[in-house]
C-alpha atoms as a PDB file:
ATOM      1  CA  MET A   1     147.079 -58.036 -83.348  1.00  0.00           C
ATOM      2  CA  ASN A   2     144.281 -55.926 -81.868  1.00  0.00           C
ATOM      3  CA  GLN A   3     145.465 -54.141 -78.728  1.00  0.00           C
ATOM      4  CA  ARG A   4     141.887 -53.326 -77.703  1.00  0.00           C
ATOM      5  CA  VAL A   5     140.976 -57.024 -77.706  1.00  0.00           C
ATOM      6  CA  PHE A   6     144.065 -57.735 -75.606  1.00  0.00           C
ATOM      7  CA  SER A   7     142.996 -55.071 -73.117  1.00  0.00           C
ATOM      8  CA  ILE A   8     139.446 -56.444 -72.948  1.00  0.00           C
ATOM      9  CA  SER A   9     140.785 -59.928 -72.264  1.00  0.00           C
ATOM     10  CA  ALA A  10     142.835 -58.617 -69.349  1.00  0.00           C
ATOM     11  CA  TRP A  11     139.934 -56.913 -67.612  1.00  0.00           C
ATOM     12  CA  SER A  12     137.039 -59.210 -68.541  1.00  0.00           C
ATOM     13  CA  GLY A  13     137.588 -61.048 -65.254  1.00  0.00           C
ATOM     14  CA  THR A  14     137.102 -57.862 -63.254  1.00  0.00           C
ATOM     15  CA  ALA A  15     134.007 -57.112 -65.348  1.00  0.00           C
ATOM     16  CA  ALA A  16     132.743 -60.623 -64.561  1.00  0.00           C
ATOM     17  CA  LEU A  17     133.149 -59.952 -60.840  1.00  0.00           C
ATOM     18  CA  VAL A  18     131.346 -56.597 -60.961  1.00  0.00           C
ATOM     19  CA  VAL A  19     128.446 -57.801 -63.128  1.00  0.00           C
ATOM     20  CA  THR A  20     127.954 -61.024 -61.157  1.00  0.00           C
ATOM     21  CA  CYS A  21     127.916 -59.183 -57.826  1.00  0.00           C
ATOM     22  CA  LEU A  22     125.509 -56.615 -59.273  1.00  0.00           C
ATOM     23  CA  GLY A  23     123.193 -59.426 -60.341  1.00  0.00           C
ATOM     24  CA  TRP A  24     123.400 -61.004 -56.901  1.00  0.00           C
ATOM     25  CA  LEU A  25     122.663 -57.661 -55.269  1.00  0.00           C
ATOM     26  CA  ILE A  26     119.565 -57.202 -57.439  1.00  0.00           C
ATOM     27  CA  ALA A  27     118.426 -60.785 -56.835  1.00  0.00           C
ATOM     28  CA  GLY A  28     118.950 -60.517 -53.077  1.00  0.00           C
ATOM     29  CA  ILE A  29     121.883 -62.911 -52.633  1.00  0.00           C
ATOM     30  CA  LEU A  30     123.959 -59.995 -51.388  1.00  0.00           C
ATOM     31  CA  PRO A  31     124.558 -58.588 -48.852  1.00  0.00           C
ATOM     32  CA  LEU A  32     123.239 -61.460 -46.681  1.00  0.00           C
ATOM     33  CA  PRO A  33     122.519 -64.741 -48.501  1.00  0.00           C
ATOM     34  CA  LEU A  34     119.966 -67.253 -47.298  1.00  0.00           C
ATOM     35  CA  GLY A  35     121.476 -70.078 -45.261  1.00  0.00           C
ATOM     36  CA  PRO A  36     120.766 -73.815 -45.177  1.00  0.00           C
ATOM     37  CA  SER A  37     118.883 -73.393 -41.897  1.00  0.00           C
ATOM     38  CA  THR A  38     116.503 -70.801 -43.389  1.00  0.00           C
ATOM     39  CA  SER A  39     112.913 -72.028 -43.137  1.00  0.00           C
ATOM     40  CA  ALA A  40     111.072 -73.300 -46.208  1.00  0.00           C
ATOM     41  CA  ILE A  41     108.560 -70.451 -45.870  1.00  0.00           C
ATOM     42  CA  GLU A  42     111.335 -67.837 -45.948  1.00  0.00           C
ATOM     43  CA  VAL A  43     113.010 -69.480 -48.943  1.00  0.00           C
ATOM     44  CA  ALA A  44     109.702 -69.561 -50.814  1.00  0.00           C
ATOM     45  CA  ALA A  45     109.113 -65.888 -50.017  1.00  0.00           C
ATOM     46  CA  PHE A  46     112.577 -65.040 -51.389  1.00  0.00           C
ATOM     47  CA  PHE A  47     111.610 -66.395 -54.812  1.00  0.00           C
ATOM     48  CA  ILE A  48     107.916 -65.423 -54.838  1.00  0.00           C
ATOM     49  CA  ASP A  49     108.106 -61.826 -53.582  1.00  0.00           C
ATOM     50  CA  ASP A  50     109.064 -59.647 -56.544  1.00  0.00           C
ATOM     51  CA  ALA A  51     109.938 -62.690 -58.661  1.00  0.00           C
ATOM     52  CA  THR A  52     110.590 -60.582 -61.763  1.00  0.00           C
ATOM     53  CA  VAL A  53     113.372 -58.610 -60.086  1.00  0.00           C
ATOM     54  CA  THR A  54     114.832 -61.839 -58.714  1.00  0.00           C
ATOM     55  CA  LYS A  55     114.935 -63.384 -62.193  1.00  0.00           C
ATOM     56  CA  ILE A  56     116.490 -60.252 -63.682  1.00  0.00           C
ATOM     57  CA  GLY A  57     119.208 -60.366 -61.032  1.00  0.00           C
ATOM     58  CA  PHE A  58     120.113 -63.975 -61.756  1.00  0.00           C
ATOM     59  CA  VAL A  59     120.085 -63.423 -65.517  1.00  0.00           C
ATOM     60  CA  ILE A  60     122.556 -60.557 -65.009  1.00  0.00           C
ATOM     61  CA  ALA A  61     124.667 -62.793 -62.756  1.00  0.00           C
ATOM     62  CA  SER A  62     124.755 -65.511 -65.431  1.00  0.00           C
ATOM     63  CA  VAL A  63     125.994 -62.943 -67.957  1.00  0.00           C
ATOM     64  CA  GLY A  64     128.663 -61.904 -65.472  1.00  0.00           C
ATOM     65  CA  VAL A  65     129.932 -65.465 -65.117  1.00  0.00           C
ATOM     66  CA  GLY A  66     130.239 -65.737 -68.901  1.00  0.00           C
ATOM     67  CA  LEU A  67     132.410 -62.636 -69.055  1.00  0.00           C
ATOM     68  CA  MET A  68     135.234 -64.712 -67.584  1.00  0.00           C
ATOM     69  CA  LEU A  69     135.777 -66.494 -70.904  1.00  0.00           C
ATOM     70  CA  PRO A  70     138.023 -63.906 -72.634  1.00  0.00           C
ATOM     71  CA  MET A  71     140.252 -63.823 -69.564  1.00  0.00           C
ATOM     72  CA  LEU A  72     140.528 -67.618 -69.567  1.00  0.00           C
ATOM     73  CA  ALA A  73     141.489 -67.558 -73.249  1.00  0.00           C
ATOM     74  CA  ALA A  74     144.183 -64.964 -72.517  1.00  0.00           C
ATOM     75  CA  ILE A  75     145.573 -67.047 -69.656  1.00  0.00           C
ATOM     76  CA  SER A  76     145.755 -70.079 -71.953  1.00  0.00           C
ATOM     77  CA  MET A  77     147.484 -68.063 -74.676  1.00  0.00           C
ATOM     78  CA  HIS A  78     150.183 -66.815 -72.334  1.00  0.00           C
ATOM     79  CA  MET A  79     150.618 -70.234 -70.710  1.00  0.00           C
ATOM     80  CA  LEU A  80     151.245 -71.642 -74.190  1.00  0.00           C
ATOM     81  CA  ARG A  81     154.049 -69.104 -74.507  1.00  0.00           C
ATOM     82  CA  MET A  82     155.508 -70.409 -71.254  1.00  0.00           C
ATOM     83  CA  GLU A  83     155.227 -74.124 -72.020  1.00  0.00           C
ATOM     84  CA  GLY A  84     156.077 -74.180 -75.706  1.00  0.00           C
ATOM     85  CA  ARG A  85     155.772 -77.544 -77.464  1.00  0.00           C
ATOM     86  CA  TYR A  86     154.324 -79.497 -74.530  1.00  0.00           C
ATOM     87  CA  PRO A  87     151.436 -77.370 -73.186  1.00  0.00           C
ATOM     88  CA  LEU A  88     149.935 -79.879 -70.759  1.00  0.00           C
ATOM     89  CA  LEU A  89     149.249 -77.311 -68.036  1.00  0.00           C
ATOM     90  CA  SER A  90     147.871 -74.837 -70.592  1.00  0.00           C
ATOM     91  CA  PHE A  91     145.281 -77.335 -71.785  1.00  0.00           C
ATOM     92  CA  THR A  92     144.496 -78.367 -68.213  1.00  0.00           C
ATOM     93  CA  GLN A  93     143.841 -74.727 -67.319  1.00  0.00           C
ATOM     94  CA  MET A  94     141.688 -74.183 -70.399  1.00  0.00           C
ATOM     95  CA  ILE A  95     139.511 -77.260 -69.813  1.00  0.00           C
ATOM     96  CA  ALA A  96     139.210 -76.710 -66.060  1.00  0.00           C
ATOM     97  CA  GLY A  97     138.368 -73.033 -66.613  1.00  0.00           C
ATOM     98  CA  ALA A  98     135.620 -73.883 -69.109  1.00  0.00           C
ATOM     99  CA  VAL A  99     134.134 -76.458 -66.726  1.00  0.00           C
ATOM    100  CA  THR A 100     134.246 -73.885 -63.919  1.00  0.00           C
ATOM    101  CA  VAL A 101     132.300 -71.371 -66.003  1.00  0.00           C
ATOM    102  CA  ILE A 102     129.641 -74.010 -66.695  1.00  0.00           C
ATOM    103  CA  LEU A 103     129.415 -75.018 -63.037  1.00  0.00           C
ATOM    104  CA  ASN A 104     129.144 -71.363 -61.953  1.00  0.00           C
ATOM    105  CA  THR A 105     126.501 -70.605 -64.586  1.00  0.00           C
ATOM    106  CA  LEU A 106     124.210 -73.513 -63.696  1.00  0.00           C
ATOM    107  CA  PRO A 107     123.233 -72.212 -60.211  1.00  0.00           C
ATOM    108  CA  GLN A 108     122.346 -68.784 -61.656  1.00  0.00           C
ATOM    109  CA  LEU A 109     120.070 -70.416 -64.233  1.00  0.00           C
ATOM    110  CA  LEU A 110     118.589 -72.743 -61.622  1.00  0.00           C
ATOM    111  CA  TRP A 111     117.797 -69.842 -59.282  1.00  0.00           C
ATOM    112  CA  ALA A 112     116.094 -67.981 -62.141  1.00  0.00           C
ATOM    113  CA  THR A 113     114.143 -71.143 -62.983  1.00  0.00           C
ATOM    114  CA  ILE A 114     113.044 -71.540 -59.356  1.00  0.00           C
ATOM    115  CA  ALA A 115     111.535 -68.038 -59.526  1.00  0.00           C
ATOM    116  CA  PHE A 116     109.774 -68.876 -62.810  1.00  0.00           C
ATOM    117  CA  ARG A 117     106.753 -70.392 -61.045  1.00  0.00           C
ATOM    118  CA  THR A 118     105.037 -69.187 -57.894  1.00  0.00           C
ATOM    119  CA  ASP A 119     102.841 -72.234 -57.271  1.00  0.00           C
ATOM    120  CA  ARG A 120     105.386 -74.630 -55.790  1.00  0.00           C
ATOM    121  CA  THR A 121     105.261 -75.813 -52.194  1.00  0.00           C
ATOM    122  CA  PRO A 122     107.706 -74.188 -49.754  1.00  0.00           C
ATOM    123  CA  GLU A 123     109.556 -77.512 -49.439  1.00  0.00           C
ATOM    124  CA  GLU A 124     110.067 -77.642 -53.212  1.00  0.00           C
ATOM    125  CA  TYR A 125     111.486 -74.126 -53.202  1.00  0.00           C
ATOM    126  CA  ARG A 126     113.905 -75.009 -50.431  1.00  0.00           C
ATOM    127  CA  THR A 127     115.043 -78.260 -52.069  1.00  0.00           C
ATOM    128  CA  LEU A 128     115.769 -76.547 -55.385  1.00  0.00           C
ATOM    129  CA  ASN A 129     117.540 -73.721 -53.564  1.00  0.00           C
ATOM    130  CA  ASP A 130     119.682 -76.284 -51.712  1.00  0.00           C
ATOM    131  CA  ILE A 131     120.705 -77.826 -55.040  1.00  0.00           C
ATOM    132  CA  ALA A 132     121.699 -74.442 -56.488  1.00  0.00           C
ATOM    133  CA  TRP A 133     123.809 -73.438 -53.491  1.00  0.00           C
ATOM    134  CA  LEU A 134     125.553 -76.786 -53.166  1.00  0.00           C
ATOM    135  CA  LEU A 135     126.304 -76.866 -56.896  1.00  0.00           C
ATOM    136  CA  LEU A 136     127.874 -73.421 -56.640  1.00  0.00           C
ATOM    137  CA  PHE A 137     130.321 -74.239 -53.862  1.00  0.00           C
ATOM    138  CA  THR A 138     130.937 -77.970 -53.661  1.00  0.00           C
ATOM    139  CA  GLY A 139     131.754 -78.376 -57.359  1.00  0.00           C
ATOM    140  CA  ILE A 140     134.944 -76.431 -56.758  1.00  0.00           C
ATOM    141  CA  ILE A 141     137.523 -79.048 -57.765  1.00  0.00           C
ATOM    142  CA  PRO A 142     137.849 -77.923 -61.444  1.00  0.00           C
ATOM    143  CA  PHE A 143     138.548 -74.354 -60.317  1.00  0.00           C
ATOM    144  CA  MET A 144     141.189 -75.556 -57.853  1.00  0.00           C
ATOM    145  CA  ILE A 145     142.806 -77.638 -60.610  1.00  0.00           C
ATOM    146  CA  GLN A 146     142.796 -74.529 -62.809  1.00  0.00           C
ATOM    147  CA  ASN A 147     144.551 -72.508 -60.094  1.00  0.00           C
ATOM    148  CA  ILE A 148     147.122 -75.231 -59.451  1.00  0.00           C
ATOM    149  CA  ALA A 149     147.844 -75.526 -63.189  1.00  0.00           C
ATOM    150  CA  ILE A 150     148.396 -71.771 -63.497  1.00  0.00           C
ATOM    151  CA  GLY A 151     150.502 -71.600 -60.345  1.00  0.00           C
ATOM    152  CA  THR A 152     152.659 -74.549 -61.357  1.00  0.00           C
ATOM    153  CA  ALA A 153     153.204 -73.188 -64.869  1.00  0.00           C
ATOM    154  CA  VAL A 154     154.176 -69.731 -63.632  1.00  0.00           C
ATOM    155  CA  LEU A 155     156.574 -70.947 -60.948  1.00  0.00           C
ATOM    156  CA  SER A 156     158.244 -73.537 -63.187  1.00  0.00           C
ATOM    157  CA  ALA A 157     158.469 -71.462 -66.380  1.00  0.00           C
ATOM    158  CA  PRO A 158     162.031 -71.076 -67.705  1.00  0.00           C
ATOM    159  CA  HIS A 159     161.269 -67.528 -68.843  1.00  0.00           C
ATOM    160  CA  LYS A 160     159.042 -64.904 -67.290  1.00  0.00           C
ATOM    161  CA  VAL A 161     155.627 -64.288 -68.866  1.00  0.00           C
ATOM    162  CA  PHE A 162     153.350 -63.791 -65.864  1.00  0.00           C
ATOM    163  CA  PRO A 163     154.872 -62.158 -62.764  1.00  0.00           C
ATOM    164  CA  ARG A 164     156.057 -64.735 -60.235  1.00  0.00           C
ATOM    165  CA  TRP A 165     153.584 -63.480 -57.643  1.00  0.00           C
ATOM    166  CA  ALA A 166     150.755 -64.683 -59.914  1.00  0.00           C
ATOM    167  CA  GLY A 167     151.931 -68.247 -59.353  1.00  0.00           C
ATOM    168  CA  PHE A 168     151.805 -67.940 -55.575  1.00  0.00           C
ATOM    169  CA  LEU A 169     148.466 -66.116 -55.792  1.00  0.00           C
ATOM    170  CA  ASN A 170     146.876 -69.002 -57.698  1.00  0.00           C
ATOM    171  CA  LEU A 171     148.160 -71.588 -55.246  1.00  0.00           C
ATOM    172  CA  TRP A 172     146.742 -69.524 -52.369  1.00  0.00           C
ATOM    173  CA  VAL A 173     143.375 -69.230 -54.141  1.00  0.00           C
ATOM    174  CA  ALA A 174     143.248 -73.015 -54.606  1.00  0.00           C
ATOM    175  CA  LEU A 175     143.937 -73.463 -50.887  1.00  0.00           C
ATOM    176  CA  ALA A 176     141.251 -70.917 -49.958  1.00  0.00           C
ATOM    177  CA  PHE A 177     138.584 -73.037 -51.668  1.00  0.00           C
ATOM    178  CA  VAL A 178     139.347 -76.228 -49.713  1.00  0.00           C
ATOM    179  CA  PRO A 179     136.648 -75.530 -47.043  1.00  0.00           C
ATOM    180  CA  ASP A 180     133.887 -75.316 -49.683  1.00  0.00           C
ATOM    181  CA  VAL A 181     133.250 -79.069 -49.732  1.00  0.00           C
ATOM    182  CA  LEU A 182     132.338 -78.848 -46.029  1.00  0.00           C
ATOM    183  CA  ALA A 183     129.101 -77.098 -47.047  1.00  0.00           C
ATOM    184  CA  TYR A 184     127.572 -80.582 -47.377  1.00  0.00           C
ATOM    185  CA  PHE A 185     127.983 -81.195 -43.661  1.00  0.00           C
ATOM    186  CA  PHE A 186     126.988 -77.949 -41.914  1.00  0.00           C
ATOM    187  CA  MET A 187     123.566 -76.321 -41.637  1.00  0.00           C
ATOM    188  CA  SER A 188     124.859 -73.225 -39.834  1.00  0.00           C
ATOM    189  CA  GLY A 189     128.074 -71.592 -38.679  1.00  0.00           C
ATOM    190  CA  PRO A 190     131.279 -70.651 -40.515  1.00  0.00           C
ATOM    191  CA  PHE A 191     131.313 -73.799 -42.689  1.00  0.00           C
ATOM    192  CA  ALA A 192     127.702 -73.547 -43.890  1.00  0.00           C
ATOM    193  CA  TRP A 193     127.293 -72.340 -47.468  1.00  0.00           C
ATOM    194  CA  ASN A 194     126.621 -68.797 -46.241  1.00  0.00           C
ATOM    195  CA  GLY A 195     129.404 -68.930 -43.639  1.00  0.00           C
ATOM    196  CA  ILE A 196     132.638 -66.992 -43.544  1.00  0.00           C
ATOM    197  CA  PHE A 197     134.855 -69.952 -44.568  1.00  0.00           C
ATOM    198  CA  VAL A 198     132.672 -70.965 -47.510  1.00  0.00           C
ATOM    199  CA  PHE A 199     130.746 -68.043 -49.002  1.00  0.00           C
ATOM    200  CA  TRP A 200     132.816 -65.057 -47.924  1.00  0.00           C
ATOM    201  CA  LEU A 201     136.274 -66.627 -48.185  1.00  0.00           C
ATOM    202  CA  ALA A 202     135.382 -68.077 -51.596  1.00  0.00           C
ATOM    203  CA  LEU A 203     133.976 -64.781 -52.854  1.00  0.00           C
ATOM    204  CA  GLY A 204     137.026 -62.900 -51.608  1.00  0.00           C
ATOM    205  CA  ALA A 205     139.484 -65.401 -53.109  1.00  0.00           C
ATOM    206  CA  TYR A 206     137.569 -65.409 -56.393  1.00  0.00           C
ATOM    207  CA  ALA A 207     137.722 -61.605 -56.504  1.00  0.00           C
ATOM    208  CA  VAL A 208     141.467 -61.653 -55.809  1.00  0.00           C
ATOM    209  CA  PHE A 209     141.953 -64.224 -58.589  1.00  0.00           C
ATOM    210  CA  LEU A 210     139.983 -62.241 -61.177  1.00  0.00           C
ATOM    211  CA  VAL A 211     141.568 -58.875 -60.414  1.00  0.00           C
ATOM    212  CA  GLY A 212     145.046 -60.291 -59.840  1.00  0.00           C
ATOM    213  CA  MET A 213     145.071 -62.280 -63.062  1.00  0.00           C
ATOM    214  CA  GLY A 214     143.814 -59.188 -64.886  1.00  0.00           C
ATOM    215  CA  VAL A 215     146.954 -57.373 -63.746  1.00  0.00           C
ATOM    216  CA  ALA A 216     149.132 -60.363 -64.683  1.00  0.00           C
ATOM    217  CA  ILE A 217     147.553 -60.628 -68.150  1.00  0.00           C
ATOM    218  CA  LYS A 218     148.061 -56.902 -68.707  1.00  0.00           C
ATOM    219  CA  HIS A 219     151.749 -57.409 -67.877  1.00  0.00           C
ATOM    220  CA  ALA A 220     152.013 -60.349 -70.298  1.00  0.00           C
ATOM    221  CA  ASN A 221     150.086 -58.494 -73.010  1.00  0.00           C
ATOM    222  CA  ALA A 222     152.568 -55.625 -72.780  1.00  0.00           C
ATOM    223  CA  GLN A 223     155.377 -58.050 -73.630  1.00  0.00           C
ATOM    224  CA  ILE A 224     153.629 -59.173 -76.828  1.00  0.00           C
ATOM    225  CA  ILE A 225     152.767 -55.611 -77.844  1.00  0.00           C
ATOM    226  CA  ALA A 226     156.370 -54.470 -77.286  1.00  0.00           C
ATOM    227  CA  LEU A 227     157.682 -57.428 -79.294  1.00  0.00           C
ATOM    228  CA  ALA A 228     155.282 -56.680 -82.152  1.00  0.00           C
ATOM    229  CA  LYS A 229     156.446 -53.059 -82.232  1.00  0.00           C
ATOM    230  CA  MET A 230     160.082 -54.163 -82.375  1.00  0.00           C
ATOM    231  CA  GLU A 231     159.326 -56.537 -85.249  1.00  0.00           C
ATOM    232  CA  ARG A 232     157.554 -53.789 -87.199  1.00  0.00           C
ATOM    233  CA  ALA A 233     160.426 -51.384 -86.565  1.00  0.00           C
ATOM    234  CA  SER A 234     163.006 -53.874 -87.838  1.00  0.00           C
ATOM    235  CA  ALA A 235     160.952 -54.891 -90.892  1.00  0.00           C
END
């Protein structure tokens, strides 16, 4: 057992958050993302002006999304400890988490691809940008299933592995993502993809999930490390 690897797995989610947000800041998504009502000319200018920096930002963001994987593996490992011989929720979390990483990576790669050429029409830039944004937020169901699986496993576990608050946290995060599907229906306002109930609530809930589960994994890792020390001492 490598304690350093365990520690990395606990905080890879926080690293994913920091690196992804850094990439978005470089690319220009943050602090104020383009909205669905932004004109085609403005969208085209976003990708054409300083296209190299924009591509660098989205490449960094795609790396950040991938950093979630060690944390997801750690969650699955500890859920297996909770469920024992019938790890249905553990496998659900693992599959849903992997799908979520793919769905979150695709928009970053699409945005970088949009900036690859500077000879498209403004309408083409806007259409491709629409696809990237809607993929990012409306494909949220796998992530919600992941949260529900974690929350259910934690709250129904016969013995404590993750703190009980982690179960309630995951159920709250799943609920916070419900408004995201409304991005299909609003061009402006709080339910547009750049609105407070879609972009900002989702980003905040995602940050809470990554940091909160990092703390929960650290707690669960400490149990395994303590048990390993006891086994060595009694050997």
